[in-house]
Amino acid sequence: MAITVPVIGIEPAELAWIRMLVVLLRHPDPVVPELTRQALLYLEAAAARSEASRDDPDIPAAGQG
């Protein structure tokens, strides 16, 4: 039986996505983890731009500039 560890801020519905992310990051083909890492960096930057655009209307939102 698997040992579970509660994580603050993770909703039960999000666990499937977290598991998929871990599977991709542990994939034996070295291209898959690297592509996953780059995708996460892209999403992080897009989220930061989106957050900044809410604070400053002069900054274009992700996908608009």
PDB file of N, CA and C in Angstrom:
ATOM      1  N   MET A   1       0.836  -1.177   0.000  1.00  0.00           N
ATOM      2  CA  MET A   1       0.000   0.000   0.000  1.00  0.00           C
ATOM      3  C   MET A   1       0.889   1.252   0.000  1.00  0.00           C
ATOM      4  N   ALA A   2       0.516   2.222  -0.786  1.00  0.00           N
ATOM      5  CA  ALA A   2       1.284   3.458  -0.893  1.00  0.00           C
ATOM      6  C   ALA A   2       1.107   4.308   0.363  1.00  0.00           C
ATOM      7  N   ILE A   3       2.173   4.971   0.727  1.00  0.00           N
ATOM      8  CA  ILE A   3       2.117   5.903   1.850  1.00  0.00           C
ATOM      9  C   ILE A   3       1.769   7.272   1.286  1.00  0.00           C
ATOM     10  N   THR A   4       0.748   7.908   1.829  1.00  0.00           N
ATOM     11  CA  THR A   4       0.351   9.224   1.348  1.00  0.00           C
ATOM     12  C   THR A   4       0.861  10.296   2.294  1.00  0.00           C
ATOM     13  N   VAL A   5       1.179  11.430   1.723  1.00  0.00           N
ATOM     14  CA  VAL A   5       1.644  12.572   2.489  1.00  0.00           C
ATOM     15  C   VAL A   5       0.761  13.759   2.123  1.00  0.00           C
ATOM     16  N   PRO A   6       0.080  14.341   3.108  1.00  0.00           N
ATOM     17  CA  PRO A   6      -0.756  15.503   2.789  1.00  0.00           C
ATOM     18  C   PRO A   6       0.114  16.709   2.428  1.00  0.00           C
ATOM     19  N   VAL A   7      -0.313  17.431   1.424  1.00  0.00           N
ATOM     20  CA  VAL A   7       0.408  18.620   0.982  1.00  0.00           C
ATOM     21  C   VAL A   7      -0.552  19.804   1.035  1.00  0.00           C
ATOM     22  N   ILE A   8      -0.174  20.811   1.760  1.00  0.00           N
ATOM     23  CA  ILE A   8      -1.024  21.995   1.878  1.00  0.00           C
ATOM     24  C   ILE A   8      -1.092  22.689   0.526  1.00  0.00           C
ATOM     25  N   GLY A   9      -2.304  23.027   0.104  1.00  0.00           N
ATOM     26  CA  GLY A   9      -2.486  23.748  -1.141  1.00  0.00           C
ATOM     27  C   GLY A   9      -2.795  22.864  -2.332  1.00  0.00           C
ATOM     28  N   ILE A  10      -2.730  21.554  -2.182  1.00  0.00           N
ATOM     29  CA  ILE A  10      -3.047  20.640  -3.279  1.00  0.00           C
ATOM     30  C   ILE A  10      -4.457  20.104  -3.057  1.00  0.00           C
ATOM     31  N   GLU A  11      -5.305  20.331  -4.021  1.00  0.00           N
ATOM     32  CA  GLU A  11      -6.671  19.822  -3.964  1.00  0.00           C
ATOM     33  C   GLU A  11      -6.661  18.369  -4.433  1.00  0.00           C
ATOM     34  N   PRO A  12      -7.548  17.530  -3.897  1.00  0.00           N
ATOM     35  CA  PRO A  12      -7.587  16.126  -4.320  1.00  0.00           C
ATOM     36  C   PRO A  12      -7.747  15.965  -5.838  1.00  0.00           C
ATOM     37  N   ALA A  13      -8.493  16.845  -6.470  1.00  0.00           N
ATOM     38  CA  ALA A  13      -8.684  16.756  -7.924  1.00  0.00           C
ATOM     39  C   ALA A  13      -7.395  17.055  -8.687  1.00  0.00           C
ATOM     40  N   GLU A  14      -6.434  17.730  -8.065  1.00  0.00           N
ATOM     41  CA  GLU A  14      -5.174  18.082  -8.728  1.00  0.00           C
ATOM     42  C   GLU A  14      -4.132  16.977  -8.629  1.00  0.00           C
ATOM     43  N   LEU A  15      -4.378  15.970  -7.815  1.00  0.00           N
ATOM     44  CA  LEU A  15      -3.376  14.919  -7.608  1.00  0.00           C
ATOM     45  C   LEU A  15      -3.034  14.175  -8.892  1.00  0.00           C
ATOM     46  N   ALA A  16      -3.988  13.965  -9.751  1.00  0.00           N
ATOM     47  CA  ALA A  16      -3.696  13.276 -11.020  1.00  0.00           C
ATOM     48  C   ALA A  16      -2.695  14.075 -11.847  1.00  0.00           C
ATOM     49  N   TRP A  17      -2.829  15.409 -11.838  1.00  0.00           N
ATOM     50  CA  TRP A  17      -1.894  16.253 -12.587  1.00  0.00           C
ATOM     51  C   TRP A  17      -0.495  16.212 -11.967  1.00  0.00           C
ATOM     52  N   ILE A  18      -0.430  16.200 -10.654  1.00  0.00           N
ATOM     53  CA  ILE A  18       0.871  16.123  -9.966  1.00  0.00           C
ATOM     54  C   ILE A  18       1.534  14.783 -10.269  1.00  0.00           C
ATOM     55  N   ARG A  19       0.747  13.716 -10.235  1.00  0.00           N
ATOM     56  CA  ARG A  19       1.305  12.396 -10.559  1.00  0.00           C
ATOM     57  C   ARG A  19       1.828  12.357 -11.994  1.00  0.00           C
ATOM     58  N   MET A  20       1.068  12.926 -12.937  1.00  0.00           N
ATOM     59  CA  MET A  20       1.502  12.950 -14.335  1.00  0.00           C
ATOM     60  C   MET A  20       2.798  13.748 -14.479  1.00  0.00           C
ATOM     61  N   LEU A  21       2.895  14.864 -13.776  1.00  0.00           N
ATOM     62  CA  LEU A  21       4.100  15.679 -13.819  1.00  0.00           C
ATOM     63  C   LEU A  21       5.313  14.898 -13.311  1.00  0.00           C
ATOM     64  N   VAL A  22       5.147  14.183 -12.219  1.00  0.00           N
ATOM     65  CA  VAL A  22       6.243  13.377 -11.675  1.00  0.00           C
ATOM     66  C   VAL A  22       6.632  12.273 -12.658  1.00  0.00           C
ATOM     67  N   VAL A  23       5.649  11.623 -13.271  1.00  0.00           N
ATOM     68  CA  VAL A  23       5.943  10.578 -14.271  1.00  0.00           C
ATOM     69  C   VAL A  23       6.758  11.172 -15.425  1.00  0.00           C
ATOM     70  N   LEU A  24       6.364  12.336 -15.907  1.00  0.00           N
ATOM     71  CA  LEU A  24       7.090  12.965 -17.017  1.00  0.00           C
ATOM     72  C   LEU A  24       8.505  13.364 -16.606  1.00  0.00           C
ATOM     73  N   LEU A  25       8.666  13.886 -15.400  1.00  0.00           N
ATOM     74  CA  LEU A  25       9.994  14.302 -14.944  1.00  0.00           C
ATOM     75  C   LEU A  25      10.914  13.113 -14.675  1.00  0.00           C
ATOM     76  N   ARG A  26      10.353  11.944 -14.409  1.00  0.00           N
ATOM     77  CA  ARG A  26      11.149  10.732 -14.152  1.00  0.00           C
ATOM     78  C   ARG A  26      11.262   9.834 -15.380  1.00  0.00           C
ATOM     79  N   HIS A  27      10.773  10.259 -16.506  1.00  0.00           N
ATOM     80  CA  HIS A  27      10.758   9.437 -17.718  1.00  0.00           C
ATOM     81  C   HIS A  27      12.182   9.029 -18.096  1.00  0.00           C
ATOM     82  N   PRO A  28      12.380   7.779 -18.543  1.00  0.00           N
ATOM     83  CA  PRO A  28      13.735   7.318 -18.880  1.00  0.00           C
ATOM     84  C   PRO A  28      14.340   7.997 -20.117  1.00  0.00           C
ATOM     85  N   ASP A  29      13.510   8.451 -21.036  1.00  0.00           N
ATOM     86  CA  ASP A  29      14.018   9.165 -22.211  1.00  0.00           C
ATOM     87  C   ASP A  29      14.396  10.575 -21.753  1.00  0.00           C
ATOM     88  N   PRO A  30      15.653  10.978 -21.868  1.00  0.00           N
ATOM     89  CA  PRO A  30      16.083  12.280 -21.332  1.00  0.00           C
ATOM     90  C   PRO A  30      15.413  13.486 -21.992  1.00  0.00           C
ATOM     91  N   VAL A  31      14.832  13.298 -23.158  1.00  0.00           N
ATOM     92  CA  VAL A  31      14.163  14.409 -23.830  1.00  0.00           C
ATOM     93  C   VAL A  31      12.863  14.776 -23.109  1.00  0.00           C
ATOM     94  N   VAL A  32      12.159  13.790 -22.603  1.00  0.00           N
ATOM     95  CA  VAL A  32      10.858  14.028 -21.979  1.00  0.00           C
ATOM     96  C   VAL A  32      10.982  14.899 -20.723  1.00  0.00           C
ATOM     97  N   PRO A  33      11.862  14.570 -19.766  1.00  0.00           N
ATOM     98  CA  PRO A  33      11.990  15.446 -18.597  1.00  0.00           C
ATOM     99  C   PRO A  33      12.435  16.867 -18.960  1.00  0.00           C
ATOM    100  N   GLU A  34      13.321  16.985 -19.940  1.00  0.00           N
ATOM    101  CA  GLU A  34      13.785  18.317 -20.338  1.00  0.00           C
ATOM    102  C   GLU A  34      12.659  19.126 -20.972  1.00  0.00           C
ATOM    103  N   LEU A  35      11.871  18.496 -21.832  1.00  0.00           N
ATOM    104  CA  LEU A  35      10.730  19.180 -22.441  1.00  0.00           C
ATOM    105  C   LEU A  35       9.705  19.573 -21.372  1.00  0.00           C
ATOM    106  N   THR A  36       9.490  18.703 -20.403  1.00  0.00           N
ATOM    107  CA  THR A  36       8.580  19.004 -19.293  1.00  0.00           C
ATOM    108  C   THR A  36       9.086  20.192 -18.501  1.00  0.00           C
ATOM    109  N   ARG A  37      10.377  20.216 -18.224  1.00  0.00           N
ATOM    110  CA  ARG A  37      10.977  21.328 -17.480  1.00  0.00           C
ATOM    111  C   ARG A  37      10.809  22.641 -18.238  1.00  0.00           C
ATOM    112  N   GLN A  38      11.062  22.617 -19.546  1.00  0.00           N
ATOM    113  CA  GLN A  38      10.914  23.823 -20.349  1.00  0.00           C
ATOM    114  C   GLN A  38       9.458  24.290 -20.392  1.00  0.00           C
ATOM    115  N   ALA A  39       8.527  23.340 -20.461  1.00  0.00           N
ATOM    116  CA  ALA A  39       7.109  23.699 -20.453  1.00  0.00           C
ATOM    117  C   ALA A  39       6.724  24.354 -19.135  1.00  0.00           C
ATOM    118  N   LEU A  40       7.247  23.837 -18.029  1.00  0.00           N
ATOM    119  CA  LEU A  40       6.957  24.433 -16.719  1.00  0.00           C
ATOM    120  C   LEU A  40       7.523  25.847 -16.617  1.00  0.00           C
ATOM    121  N   LEU A  41       8.721  26.049 -17.134  1.00  0.00           N
ATOM    122  CA  LEU A  41       9.310  27.394 -17.135  1.00  0.00           C
ATOM    123  C   LEU A  41       8.471  28.359 -17.976  1.00  0.00           C
ATOM    124  N   TYR A  42       8.003  27.891 -19.113  1.00  0.00           N
ATOM    125  CA  TYR A  42       7.147  28.718 -19.967  1.00  0.00           C
ATOM    126  C   TYR A  42       5.855  29.092 -19.245  1.00  0.00           C
ATOM    127  N   LEU A  43       5.223  28.102 -18.613  1.00  0.00           N
ATOM    128  CA  LEU A  43       3.974  28.357 -17.897  1.00  0.00           C
ATOM    129  C   LEU A  43       4.188  29.313 -16.724  1.00  0.00           C
ATOM    130  N   GLU A  44       5.310  29.162 -16.035  1.00  0.00           N
ATOM    131  CA  GLU A  44       5.619  30.060 -14.925  1.00  0.00           C
ATOM    132  C   GLU A  44       5.771  31.497 -15.420  1.00  0.00           C
ATOM    133  N   ALA A  45       6.482  31.680 -16.519  1.00  0.00           N
ATOM    134  CA  ALA A  45       6.676  33.023 -17.085  1.00  0.00           C
ATOM    135  C   ALA A  45       5.350  33.598 -17.581  1.00  0.00           C
ATOM    136  N   ALA A  46       4.524  32.774 -18.210  1.00  0.00           N
ATOM    137  CA  ALA A  46       3.234  33.243 -18.697  1.00  0.00           C
ATOM    138  C   ALA A  46       2.332  33.648 -17.536  1.00  0.00           C
ATOM    139  N   ALA A  47       2.360  32.884 -16.464  1.00  0.00           N
ATOM    140  CA  ALA A  47       1.560  33.231 -15.285  1.00  0.00           C
ATOM    141  C   ALA A  47       2.050  34.526 -14.657  1.00  0.00           C
ATOM    142  N   ALA A  48       3.360  34.725 -14.620  1.00  0.00           N
ATOM    143  CA  ALA A  48       3.909  35.959 -14.058  1.00  0.00           C
ATOM    144  C   ALA A  48       3.509  37.161 -14.912  1.00  0.00           C
ATOM    145  N   ARG A  49       3.549  37.003 -16.248  1.00  0.00           N
ATOM    146  CA  ARG A  49       3.127  38.095 -17.127  1.00  0.00           C
ATOM    147  C   ARG A  49       1.650  38.397 -16.943  1.00  0.00           C
ATOM    148  N   SER A  50       0.858  37.351 -16.819  1.00  0.00           N
ATOM    149  CA  SER A  50      -0.581  37.524 -16.639  1.00  0.00           C
ATOM    150  C   SER A  50      -0.869  38.245 -15.322  1.00  0.00           C
ATOM    151  N   GLU A  51      -0.166  37.857 -14.283  1.00  0.00           N
ATOM    152  CA  GLU A  51      -0.333  38.494 -12.971  1.00  0.00           C
ATOM    153  C   GLU A  51       0.112  39.949 -13.024  1.00  0.00           C
ATOM    154  N   ALA A  52       1.225  40.212 -13.701  1.00  0.00           N
ATOM    155  CA  ALA A  52       1.729  41.578 -13.813  1.00  0.00           C
ATOM    156  C   ALA A  52       0.776  42.434 -14.637  1.00  0.00           C
ATOM    157  N   SER A  53       0.152  41.851 -15.653  1.00  0.00           N
ATOM    158  CA  SER A  53      -0.758  42.633 -16.500  1.00  0.00           C
ATOM    159  C   SER A  53      -2.016  43.031 -15.737  1.00  0.00           C
ATOM    160  N   ARG A  54      -2.398  42.237 -14.748  1.00  0.00           N
ATOM    161  CA  ARG A  54      -3.536  42.632 -13.913  1.00  0.00           C
ATOM    162  C   ARG A  54      -3.181  43.838 -13.062  1.00  0.00           C
ATOM    163  N   ASP A  55      -1.912  43.915 -12.660  1.00  0.00           N
ATOM    164  CA  ASP A  55      -1.453  45.028 -11.838  1.00  0.00           C
ATOM    165  C   ASP A  55      -1.121  46.271 -12.654  1.00  0.00           C
ATOM    166  N   ASP A  56      -0.653  46.069 -13.896  1.00  0.00           N
ATOM    167  CA  ASP A  56      -0.214  47.175 -14.746  1.00  0.00           C
ATOM    168  C   ASP A  56      -0.836  47.009 -16.132  1.00  0.00           C
ATOM    169  N   PRO A  57      -1.822  47.814 -16.489  1.00  0.00           N
ATOM    170  CA  PRO A  57      -2.490  47.638 -17.790  1.00  0.00           C
ATOM    171  C   PRO A  57      -1.592  47.911 -18.995  1.00  0.00           C
ATOM    172  N   ASP A  58      -0.389  48.504 -18.809  1.00  0.00           N
ATOM    173  CA  ASP A  58       0.521  48.755 -19.921  1.00  0.00           C
ATOM    174  C   ASP A  58       1.307  47.504 -20.336  1.00  0.00           C
ATOM    175  N   ILE A  59       1.294  46.456 -19.506  1.00  0.00           N
ATOM    176  CA  ILE A  59       2.006  45.210 -19.808  1.00  0.00           C
ATOM    177  C   ILE A  59       1.033  44.278 -20.517  1.00  0.00           C
ATOM    178  N   PRO A  60       1.373  43.792 -21.730  1.00  0.00           N
ATOM    179  CA  PRO A  60       0.452  42.897 -22.432  1.00  0.00           C
ATOM    180  C   PRO A  60       0.350  41.563 -21.713  1.00  0.00           C
ATOM    181  N   ALA A  61      -0.839  40.996 -21.663  1.00  0.00           N
ATOM    182  CA  ALA A  61      -1.057  39.693 -21.040  1.00  0.00           C
ATOM    183  C   ALA A  61      -0.434  38.615 -21.905  1.00  0.00           C
ATOM    184  N   ALA A  62      -0.241  37.448 -21.326  1.00  0.00           N
ATOM    185  CA  ALA A  62       0.331  36.323 -22.064  1.00  0.00           C
ATOM    186  C   ALA A  62      -0.512  36.020 -23.281  1.00  0.00           C
ATOM    187  N   GLY A  63       0.158  35.875 -24.428  1.00  0.00           N
ATOM    188  CA  GLY A  63      -0.544  35.576 -25.667  1.00  0.00           C
ATOM    189  C   GLY A  63      -1.063  36.810 -26.394  1.00  0.00           C
ATOM    190  N   GLN A  64      -0.844  38.006 -25.811  1.00  0.00           N
ATOM    191  CA  GLN A  64      -1.334  39.232 -26.441  1.00  0.00           C
ATOM    192  C   GLN A  64      -0.196  40.149 -26.874  1.00  0.00           C
ATOM    193  N   GLY A  65       1.032  39.705 -26.747  1.00  0.00           N
ATOM    194  CA  GLY A  65       2.089  40.627 -27.112  1.00  0.00           C
ATOM    195  C   GLY A  65       3.267  39.987 -27.568  1.00  0.00           C
TER     196      GLY A  65
END
